[in-house]
Protein backbone atom coordinates (compact mmCIF):
# COMPACT_ATOMS: atom_id res chain seq x y z
CA MET A 1 36.49 -24.33 -10.54
CA LYS A 2 37.80 -20.72 -11.97
CA VAL A 3 36.67 -17.40 -10.40
CA GLU A 4 34.93 -16.82 -13.85
CA GLU A 5 32.74 -19.99 -13.83
CA PHE A 6 32.07 -19.29 -10.15
CA VAL A 7 30.63 -15.86 -10.95
CA LYS A 8 28.67 -17.14 -14.05
CA GLU A 9 27.01 -20.04 -12.00
CA ILE A 10 26.19 -17.44 -9.13
CA LYS A 11 24.71 -15.16 -11.89
CA LYS A 12 22.48 -18.03 -13.53
CA MET A 13 21.43 -18.73 -10.07
CA HIS A 14 20.34 -15.16 -9.19
CA LYS A 15 18.36 -14.81 -12.44
CA GLU A 16 16.42 -18.22 -11.59
CA ILE A 17 15.66 -17.20 -8.03
CA LYS A 18 14.59 -13.60 -9.55
CA ALA A 19 12.01 -15.37 -11.79
CA ILE A 20 10.83 -17.75 -9.11
CA LEU A 21 10.31 -14.58 -6.72
CA LYS A 22 8.42 -12.57 -9.32
CA LYS A 23 6.06 -15.42 -9.99
CA SER A 24 5.31 -16.02 -6.38
CA GLN A 25 4.73 -12.31 -5.83
CA LYS A 26 2.25 -12.41 -8.58
CA LYS A 27 0.38 -15.01 -6.88
CA ILE A 28 0.34 -13.24 -3.51
CA LYS A 29 -0.85 -10.04 -4.88
CA LYS A 30 -3.63 -11.97 -6.80
CA TYR A 31 -4.85 -13.27 -3.33
CA ALA A 32 -4.47 -9.89 -1.60
CA ASP A 33 -6.30 -7.99 -4.19
CA ARG A 34 -9.36 -10.19 -3.91
CA ASN A 35 -10.72 -8.52 -0.59
CA ARG A 36 -8.98 -5.07 -1.47
CA LYS A 37 -11.50 -2.26 -1.98
CA LYS A 38 -10.94 0.89 -4.02
CA ALA A 39 -9.83 4.05 -2.33
CA LYS A 40 -12.59 6.52 -1.79
CA LYS A 41 -12.01 9.73 -3.71
CA TYR A 42 -11.25 12.58 -1.68
CA LYS A 43 -11.71 16.50 -2.35
CA VAL A 44 -10.31 19.37 -0.54
CA GLU A 45 -13.65 20.20 1.47
CA GLN A 46 -15.39 19.83 4.72
CA ILE A 47 -16.06 16.14 5.85
CA ARG A 48 -18.36 15.26 8.62
CA ASN A 49 -17.55 13.32 11.60
CA ARG A 50 -18.61 9.76 12.19
CA LYS A 51 -21.04 9.11 15.33
CA MET A 52 -19.22 6.39 17.56
CA LYS A 53 -20.53 6.07 20.81
CA LYS A 54 -17.14 4.80 22.11
CA LEU A 55 -14.98 7.32 20.63
CA ILE A 56 -17.31 10.37 20.47
CA GLU A 57 -15.00 12.58 22.06
CA LYS A 58 -12.23 12.24 19.44
CA PHE A 59 -14.67 12.89 16.66
CA VAL A 60 -16.03 15.98 17.66
CA GLY A 61 -16.88 18.64 14.67
CA SER A 62 -16.36 18.36 11.21
CA TYR A 63 -12.83 18.51 9.62
CA LYS A 64 -11.36 20.41 6.64
CA ILE A 65 -9.32 18.28 4.35
CA LYS A 66 -6.02 20.28 3.72
CA LYS A 67 -4.43 18.23 1.39
CA ILE A 68 -4.57 15.01 -0.50
CA ILE A 69 -1.22 13.23 0.03
CA LEU A 70 -1.68 9.89 -1.51
CA GLU A 71 -5.01 8.09 -2.83
CA ASN A 72 -5.99 7.02 0.67
CA THR A 73 -3.95 9.38 2.54
CA VAL A 74 -5.24 12.82 3.57
CA GLU A 75 -4.15 15.75 5.74
CA LEU A 76 -6.97 17.32 7.76
CA GLU A 77 -6.93 20.75 9.17
CA LEU A 78 -7.84 19.95 13.00
């Protein structure tokens, strides 16, 4: 087998594997998205604390959202 033939065969296998992976990723995403909820829309403003008996010391007072980093990630002013 020549080097050129070997390279062609490897490239062909690579394309096939890529297609199979893409197909399986779509399936996995479909099942993961079934239980996924949309992220809450945040605004730069005051937010109230949650009242949790067990962790009340960590959630004292209200916090101001300084900056929205991503759809579900915010930076708080503590």
